[in-house]
PDB file of N, CA and C in Angstrom:
ATOM      1  N   MET A   1     120.120 110.290 101.306  1.00  0.00           N
ATOM      2  CA  MET A   1     119.993 109.185 100.365  1.00  0.00           C
ATOM      3  C   MET A   1     120.065 107.847 101.081  1.00  0.00           C
ATOM      4  N   LEU A   2     121.096 107.697 101.941  1.00  0.00           N
ATOM      5  CA  LEU A   2     121.255 106.450 102.687  1.00  0.00           C
ATOM      6  C   LEU A   2     120.097 106.239 103.662  1.00  0.00           C
ATOM      7  N   THR A   3     119.616 107.332 104.246  1.00  0.00           N
ATOM      8  CA  THR A   3     118.507 107.220 105.180  1.00  0.00           C
ATOM      9  C   THR A   3     117.255 106.728 104.466  1.00  0.00           C
ATOM     10  N   ALA A   4     117.016 107.199 103.266  1.00  0.00           N
ATOM     11  CA  ALA A   4     115.843 106.756 102.507  1.00  0.00           C
ATOM     12  C   ALA A   4     115.931 105.271 102.163  1.00  0.00           C
ATOM     13  N   VAL A   5     117.117 104.823 101.813  1.00  0.00           N
ATOM     14  CA  VAL A   5     117.308 103.402 101.504  1.00  0.00           C
ATOM     15  C   VAL A   5     117.074 102.559 102.759  1.00  0.00           C
ATOM     16  N   LEU A   6     117.575 103.029 103.895  1.00  0.00           N
ATOM     17  CA  LEU A   6     117.379 102.303 105.142  1.00  0.00           C
ATOM     18  C   LEU A   6     115.910 102.251 105.554  1.00  0.00           C
ATOM     19  N   ILE A   7     115.190 103.333 105.320  1.00  0.00           N
ATOM     20  CA  ILE A   7     113.757 103.351 105.654  1.00  0.00           C
ATOM     21  C   ILE A   7     112.993 102.372 104.766  1.00  0.00           C
ATOM     22  N   VAL A   8     113.321 102.337 103.487  1.00  0.00           N
ATOM     23  CA  VAL A   8     112.661 101.385 102.581  1.00  0.00           C
ATOM     24  C   VAL A   8     112.985  99.955 102.999  1.00  0.00           C
ATOM     25  N   LEU A   9     114.227  99.697 103.339  1.00  0.00           N
ATOM     26  CA  LEU A   9     114.631  98.369 103.794  1.00  0.00           C
ATOM     27  C   LEU A   9     113.927  97.997 105.100  1.00  0.00           C
ATOM     28  N   GLN A  10     113.763  98.959 105.981  1.00  0.00           N
ATOM     29  CA  GLN A  10     113.063  98.731 107.246  1.00  0.00           C
ATOM     30  C   GLN A  10     111.598  98.377 107.011  1.00  0.00           C
ATOM     31  N   VAL A  11     110.939  99.085 106.133  1.00  0.00           N
ATOM     32  CA  VAL A  11     109.532  98.808 105.838  1.00  0.00           C
ATOM     33  C   VAL A  11     109.379  97.434 105.184  1.00  0.00           C
ATOM     34  N   LEU A  12     110.257  97.121 104.240  1.00  0.00           N
ATOM     35  CA  LEU A  12     110.190  95.805 103.589  1.00  0.00           C
ATOM     36  C   LEU A  12     110.454  94.674 104.587  1.00  0.00           C
ATOM     37  N   ALA A  13     111.405  94.881 105.484  1.00  0.00           N
ATOM     38  CA  ALA A  13     111.702  93.858 106.484  1.00  0.00           C
ATOM     39  C   ALA A  13     110.538  93.676 107.451  1.00  0.00           C
ATOM     40  N   SER A  14     109.883  94.760 107.818  1.00  0.00           N
ATOM     41  CA  SER A  14     108.753  94.637 108.738  1.00  0.00           C
ATOM     42  C   SER A  14     107.578  93.928 108.084  1.00  0.00           C
ATOM     43  N   LEU A  15     107.316  94.220 106.816  1.00  0.00           N
ATOM     44  CA  LEU A  15     106.233  93.521 106.106  1.00  0.00           C
ATOM     45  C   LEU A  15     106.580  92.044 105.914  1.00  0.00           C
ATOM     46  N   ALA A  16     107.830  91.766 105.629  1.00  0.00           N
ATOM     47  CA  ALA A  16     108.259  90.375 105.472  1.00  0.00           C
ATOM     48  C   ALA A  16     108.155  89.626 106.791  1.00  0.00           C
ATOM     49  N   LEU A  17     108.486  90.274 107.897  1.00  0.00           N
ATOM     50  CA  LEU A  17     108.367  89.630 109.204  1.00  0.00           C
ATOM     51  C   LEU A  17     106.916  89.292 109.535  1.00  0.00           C
ATOM     52  N   ILE A  18     106.013  90.197 109.227  1.00  0.00           N
ATOM     53  CA  ILE A  18     104.591  89.920 109.460  1.00  0.00           C
ATOM     54  C   ILE A  18     104.167  88.693 108.677  1.00  0.00           C
ATOM     55  N   PHE A  19     104.525  88.651 107.414  1.00  0.00           N
ATOM     56  CA  PHE A  19     104.159  87.516 106.557  1.00  0.00           C
ATOM     57  C   PHE A  19     104.799  86.221 107.061  1.00  0.00           C
ATOM     58  N   LEU A  20     106.087  86.261 107.388  1.00  0.00           N
ATOM     59  CA  LEU A  20     106.795  85.052 107.809  1.00  0.00           C
ATOM     60  C   LEU A  20     106.277  84.527 109.144  1.00  0.00           C
ATOM     61  N   ILE A  21     105.958  85.404 110.067  1.00  0.00           N
ATOM     62  CA  ILE A  21     105.437  84.965 111.356  1.00  0.00           C
ATOM     63  C   ILE A  21     104.052  84.341 111.183  1.00  0.00           C
ATOM     64  N   LEU A  22     103.265  84.884 110.297  1.00  0.00           N
ATOM     65  CA  LEU A  22     101.954  84.276 110.029  1.00  0.00           C
ATOM     66  C   LEU A  22     102.086  82.922 109.352  1.00  0.00           C
ATOM     67  N   MET A  23     103.172  82.697 108.658  1.00  0.00           N
ATOM     68  CA  MET A  23     103.380  81.413 107.994  1.00  0.00           C
ATOM     69  C   MET A  23     103.724  80.291 108.968  1.00  0.00           C
ATOM     70  N   HIS A  24     104.254  80.627 110.149  1.00  0.00           N
ATOM     71  CA  HIS A  24     104.628  79.605 111.118  1.00  0.00           C
ATOM     72  C   HIS A  24     103.389  78.900 111.653  1.00  0.00           C
ATOM     73  N   SER A  25     103.562  77.623 111.954  1.00  0.00           N
ATOM     74  CA  SER A  25     102.449  76.869 112.521  1.00  0.00           C
ATOM     75  C   SER A  25     102.487  76.986 114.036  1.00  0.00           C
ATOM     76  N   GLY A  26     101.327  77.155 114.598  1.00  0.00           N
ATOM     77  CA  GLY A  26     101.194  77.188 116.045  1.00  0.00           C
ATOM     78  C   GLY A  26     100.738  75.824 116.527  1.00  0.00           C
ATOM     79  N   LYS A  27      99.948  75.817 117.582  1.00  0.00           N
ATOM     80  CA  LYS A  27      99.445  74.561 118.110  1.00  0.00           C
ATOM     81  C   LYS A  27      98.494  73.882 117.138  1.00  0.00           C
ATOM     82  N   GLY A  28      97.685  74.660 116.462  1.00  0.00           N
ATOM     83  CA  GLY A  28      96.684  74.090 115.563  1.00  0.00           C
ATOM     84  C   GLY A  28      97.103  74.075 114.114  1.00  0.00           C
ATOM     85  N   GLY A  29      98.332  74.425 113.810  1.00  0.00           N
ATOM     86  CA  GLY A  29      98.785  74.490 112.421  1.00  0.00           C
ATOM     87  C   GLY A  29      98.641  75.906 111.901  1.00  0.00           C
ATOM     88  N   GLY A  30      99.542  76.280 111.026  1.00  0.00           N
ATOM     89  CA  GLY A  30      99.524  77.638 110.494  1.00  0.00           C
ATOM     90  C   GLY A  30      99.341  77.641 108.994  1.00  0.00           C
ATOM     91  N   LEU A  31      99.621  78.767 108.420  1.00  0.00           N
ATOM     92  CA  LEU A  31      99.471  78.904 106.973  1.00  0.00           C
ATOM     93  C   LEU A  31     100.508  78.075 106.221  1.00  0.00           C
ATOM     94  N   SER A  32     101.588  77.691 106.904  1.00  0.00           N
ATOM     95  CA  SER A  32     102.613  76.890 106.233  1.00  0.00           C
ATOM     96  C   SER A  32     102.104  75.491 105.889  1.00  0.00           C
ATOM     97  N   ASP A  33     101.040  75.048 106.548  1.00  0.00           N
ATOM     98  CA  ASP A  33     100.455  73.750 106.221  1.00  0.00           C
ATOM     99  C   ASP A  33      99.890  73.728 104.808  1.00  0.00           C
ATOM    100  N   MET A  34      99.504  74.869 104.309  1.00  0.00           N
ATOM    101  CA  MET A  34      98.968  74.947 102.954  1.00  0.00           C
ATOM    102  C   MET A  34     100.047  74.653 101.916  1.00  0.00           C
ATOM    103  N   PHE A  35     101.310  74.859 102.272  1.00  0.00           N
ATOM    104  CA  PHE A  35     102.401  74.715 101.318  1.00  0.00           C
ATOM    105  C   PHE A  35     103.258  73.485 101.592  1.00  0.00           C
ATOM    106  N   GLY A  36     102.675  72.472 102.214  1.00  0.00           N
ATOM    107  CA  GLY A  36     103.393  71.223 102.418  1.00  0.00           C
ATOM    108  C   GLY A  36     104.086  71.100 103.742  1.00  0.00           C
ATOM    109  N   GLY A  37     103.832  72.018 104.656  1.00  0.00           N
ATOM    110  CA  GLY A  37     104.478  71.950 105.954  1.00  0.00           C
ATOM    111  C   GLY A  37     103.934  70.859 106.845  1.00  0.00           C
ATOM    112  N   SER A  38     102.740  70.348 106.555  1.00  0.00           N
ATOM    113  CA  SER A  38     102.142  69.353 107.439  1.00  0.00           C
ATOM    114  C   SER A  38     102.451  67.930 107.017  1.00  0.00           C
ATOM    115  N   VAL A  39     103.098  67.731 105.897  1.00  0.00           N
ATOM    116  CA  VAL A  39     103.398  66.390 105.421  1.00  0.00           C
ATOM    117  C   VAL A  39     104.440  65.766 106.329  1.00  0.00           C
ATOM    118  N   GLY A  40     104.047  64.763 107.089  1.00  0.00           N
ATOM    119  CA  GLY A  40     104.971  64.066 107.966  1.00  0.00           C
ATOM    120  C   GLY A  40     105.352  64.823 109.210  1.00  0.00           C
ATOM    121  N   SER A  41     104.631  65.874 109.559  1.00  0.00           N
ATOM    122  CA  SER A  41     105.025  66.658 110.729  1.00  0.00           C
ATOM    123  C   SER A  41     104.725  65.919 112.024  1.00  0.00           C
ATOM    124  N   ALA A  42     103.761  65.035 112.023  1.00  0.00           N
ATOM    125  CA  ALA A  42     103.455  64.285 113.241  1.00  0.00           C
ATOM    126  C   ALA A  42     104.547  63.262 113.527  1.00  0.00           C
ATOM    127  N   ALA A  43     105.123  62.673 112.509  1.00  0.00           N
ATOM    128  CA  ALA A  43     106.129  61.632 112.702  1.00  0.00           C
ATOM    129  C   ALA A  43     107.540  62.187 112.826  1.00  0.00           C
ATOM    130  N   ALA A  44     107.859  63.244 112.105  1.00  0.00           N
ATOM    131  CA  ALA A  44     109.244  63.700 112.021  1.00  0.00           C
ATOM    132  C   ALA A  44     109.528  64.964 112.828  1.00  0.00           C
ATOM    133  N   GLY A  45     108.538  65.562 113.461  1.00  0.00           N
ATOM    134  CA  GLY A  45     108.771  66.822 114.175  1.00  0.00           C
ATOM    135  C   GLY A  45     108.796  67.970 113.191  1.00  0.00           C
ATOM    136  N   SER A  46     109.886  68.711 113.146  1.00  0.00           N
ATOM    137  CA  SER A  46     110.005  69.837 112.222  1.00  0.00           C
ATOM    138  C   SER A  46     110.379  69.333 110.832  1.00  0.00           C
ATOM    139  N   THR A  47     109.695  69.842 109.849  1.00  0.00           N
ATOM    140  CA  THR A  47     109.984  69.461 108.474  1.00  0.00           C
ATOM    141  C   THR A  47     111.015  70.402 107.880  1.00  0.00           C
ATOM    142  N   VAL A  48     111.450  70.100 106.695  1.00  0.00           N
ATOM    143  CA  VAL A  48     112.422  70.952 105.999  1.00  0.00           C
ATOM    144  C   VAL A  48     111.817  72.326 105.741  1.00  0.00           C
ATOM    145  N   VAL A  49     110.534  72.358 105.430  1.00  0.00           N
ATOM    146  CA  VAL A  49     109.865  73.633 105.172  1.00  0.00           C
ATOM    147  C   VAL A  49     109.889  74.501 106.428  1.00  0.00           C
ATOM    148  N   GLU A  50     109.581  73.901 107.571  1.00  0.00           N
ATOM    149  CA  GLU A  50     109.576  74.652 108.829  1.00  0.00           C
ATOM    150  C   GLU A  50     110.981  75.130 109.201  1.00  0.00           C
ATOM    151  N   LYS A  51     111.977  74.295 108.999  1.00  0.00           N
ATOM    152  CA  LYS A  51     113.352  74.697 109.318  1.00  0.00           C
ATOM    153  C   LYS A  51     113.809  75.848 108.433  1.00  0.00           C
ATOM    154  N   ASN A  52     113.506  75.774 107.143  1.00  0.00           N
ATOM    155  CA  ASN A  52     113.869  76.865 106.239  1.00  0.00           C
ATOM    156  C   ASN A  52     113.099  78.136 106.572  1.00  0.00           C
ATOM    157  N   LEU A  53     111.845  77.984 106.944  1.00  0.00           N
ATOM    158  CA  LEU A  53     111.037  79.135 107.335  1.00  0.00           C
ATOM    159  C   LEU A  53     111.620  79.783 108.588  1.00  0.00           C
ATOM    160  N   ASP A  54     112.088  78.968 109.518  1.00  0.00           N
ATOM    161  CA  ASP A  54     112.735  79.500 110.724  1.00  0.00           C
ATOM    162  C   ASP A  54     114.001  80.273 110.366  1.00  0.00           C
ATOM    163  N   ARG A  55     114.814  79.713 109.487  1.00  0.00           N
ATOM    164  CA  ARG A  55     116.070  80.382 109.095  1.00  0.00           C
ATOM    165  C   ARG A  55     115.797  81.717 108.402  1.00  0.00           C
ATOM    166  N   ILE A  56     114.826  81.729 107.518  1.00  0.00           N
ATOM    167  CA  ILE A  56     114.494  82.966 106.801  1.00  0.00           C
ATOM    168  C   ILE A  56     113.950  84.006 107.772  1.00  0.00           C
ATOM    169  N   THR A  57     113.114  83.567 108.710  1.00  0.00           N
ATOM    170  CA  THR A  57     112.544  84.491 109.686  1.00  0.00           C
ATOM    171  C   THR A  57     113.628  85.105 110.558  1.00  0.00           C
ATOM    172  N   VAL A  58     114.579  84.318 111.005  1.00  0.00           N
ATOM    173  CA  VAL A  58     115.672  84.840 111.836  1.00  0.00           C
ATOM    174  C   VAL A  58     116.524  85.823 111.038  1.00  0.00           C
ATOM    175  N   THR A  59     116.790  85.507 109.779  1.00  0.00           N
ATOM    176  CA  THR A  59     117.586  86.404 108.936  1.00  0.00           C
ATOM    177  C   THR A  59     116.887  87.742 108.745  1.00  0.00           C
ATOM    178  N   VAL A  60     115.599  87.713 108.447  1.00  0.00           N
ATOM    179  CA  VAL A  60     114.845  88.958 108.248  1.00  0.00           C
ATOM    180  C   VAL A  60     114.746  89.726 109.565  1.00  0.00           C
ATOM    181  N   ALA A  61     114.610  89.023 110.681  1.00  0.00           N
ATOM    182  CA  ALA A  61     114.556  89.699 111.980  1.00  0.00           C
ATOM    183  C   ALA A  61     115.876  90.402 112.290  1.00  0.00           C
ATOM    184  N   LEU A  62     116.989  89.777 111.933  1.00  0.00           N
ATOM    185  CA  LEU A  62     118.291  90.423 112.129  1.00  0.00           C
ATOM    186  C   LEU A  62     118.441  91.656 111.243  1.00  0.00           C
ATOM    187  N   ILE A  63     117.994  91.561 110.003  1.00  0.00           N
ATOM    188  CA  ILE A  63     118.021  92.725 109.108  1.00  0.00           C
ATOM    189  C   ILE A  63     117.177  93.846 109.690  1.00  0.00           C
ATOM    190  N   PHE A  64     115.990  93.496 110.204  1.00  0.00           N
ATOM    191  CA  PHE A  64     115.107  94.483 110.826  1.00  0.00           C
ATOM    192  C   PHE A  64     115.783  95.146 112.025  1.00  0.00           C
ATOM    193  N   ALA A  65     116.424  94.343 112.865  1.00  0.00           N
ATOM    194  CA  ALA A  65     117.069  94.891 114.063  1.00  0.00           C
ATOM    195  C   ALA A  65     118.238  95.806 113.705  1.00  0.00           C
ATOM    196  N   PHE A  66     119.071  95.378 112.759  1.00  0.00           N
ATOM    197  CA  PHE A  66     120.230  96.200 112.392  1.00  0.00           C
ATOM    198  C   PHE A  66     119.820  97.491 111.684  1.00  0.00           C
ATOM    199  N   THR A  67     118.836  97.436 110.804  1.00  0.00           N
ATOM    200  CA  THR A  67     118.384  98.675 110.168  1.00  0.00           C
ATOM    201  C   THR A  67     117.740  99.600 111.190  1.00  0.00           C
ATOM    202  N   ASN A  68     117.077  99.007 112.182  1.00  0.00           N
ATOM    203  CA  ASN A  68     116.483  99.818 113.235  1.00  0.00           C
ATOM    204  C   ASN A  68     117.559 100.551 114.030  1.00  0.00           C
ATOM    205  N   LEU A  69     118.616  99.845 114.404  1.00  0.00           N
ATOM    206  CA  LEU A  69     119.704 100.480 115.155  1.00  0.00           C
ATOM    207  C   LEU A  69     120.414 101.546 114.341  1.00  0.00           C
ATOM    208  N   ILE A  70     120.662 101.245 113.076  1.00  0.00           N
ATOM    209  CA  ILE A  70     121.345 102.224 112.220  1.00  0.00           C
ATOM    210  C   ILE A  70     120.492 103.472 112.041  1.00  0.00           C
ATOM    211  N   LEU A  71     119.186 103.282 111.849  1.00  0.00           N
ATOM    212  CA  LEU A  71     118.305 104.442 111.705  1.00  0.00           C
ATOM    213  C   LEU A  71     118.246 105.278 112.987  1.00  0.00           C
ATOM    214  N   ILE A  72     118.237 104.618 114.128  1.00  0.00           N
ATOM    215  CA  ILE A  72     118.219 105.348 115.400  1.00  0.00           C
ATOM    216  C   ILE A  72     119.493 106.185 115.522  1.00  0.00           C
ATOM    217  N   LEU A  73     120.632 105.608 115.193  1.00  0.00           N
ATOM    218  CA  LEU A  73     121.894 106.344 115.302  1.00  0.00           C
ATOM    219  C   LEU A  73     121.980 107.473 114.275  1.00  0.00           C
ATOM    220  N   ARG A  74     121.474 107.248 113.080  1.00  0.00           N
ATOM    221  CA  ARG A  74     121.532 108.291 112.041  1.00  0.00           C
ATOM    222  C   ARG A  74     120.575 109.430 112.322  1.00  0.00           C
ATOM    223  N   LEU A  75     119.402 109.132 112.864  1.00  0.00           N
ATOM    224  CA  LEU A  75     118.396 110.172 113.061  1.00  0.00           C
ATOM    225  C   LEU A  75     118.484 110.839 114.419  1.00  0.00           C
ATOM    226  N   HIS A  76     119.363 110.374 115.262  1.00  0.00           N
ATOM    227  CA  HIS A  76     119.513 110.946 116.587  1.00  0.00           C
ATOM    228  C   HIS A  76     120.272 112.205 116.531  1.00  0.00           C
TER     229      HIS A  76
END
């Protein structure tokens, strides 16, 4: 039961990571520019949208890493 929940959480975290990484802006701007990420980015550096996107991405990456480790230990 717990293994199934961890696998579902792992899949959701991996899909969320793909989406969140695609949302980040690169050198030429990313998908986050569509949602207001480019407003004032030339003058202010990182915007609030980019900072929040970074925080969410790090949180989801940590969830992905911990579920990965737990699954490895449980299935070993």
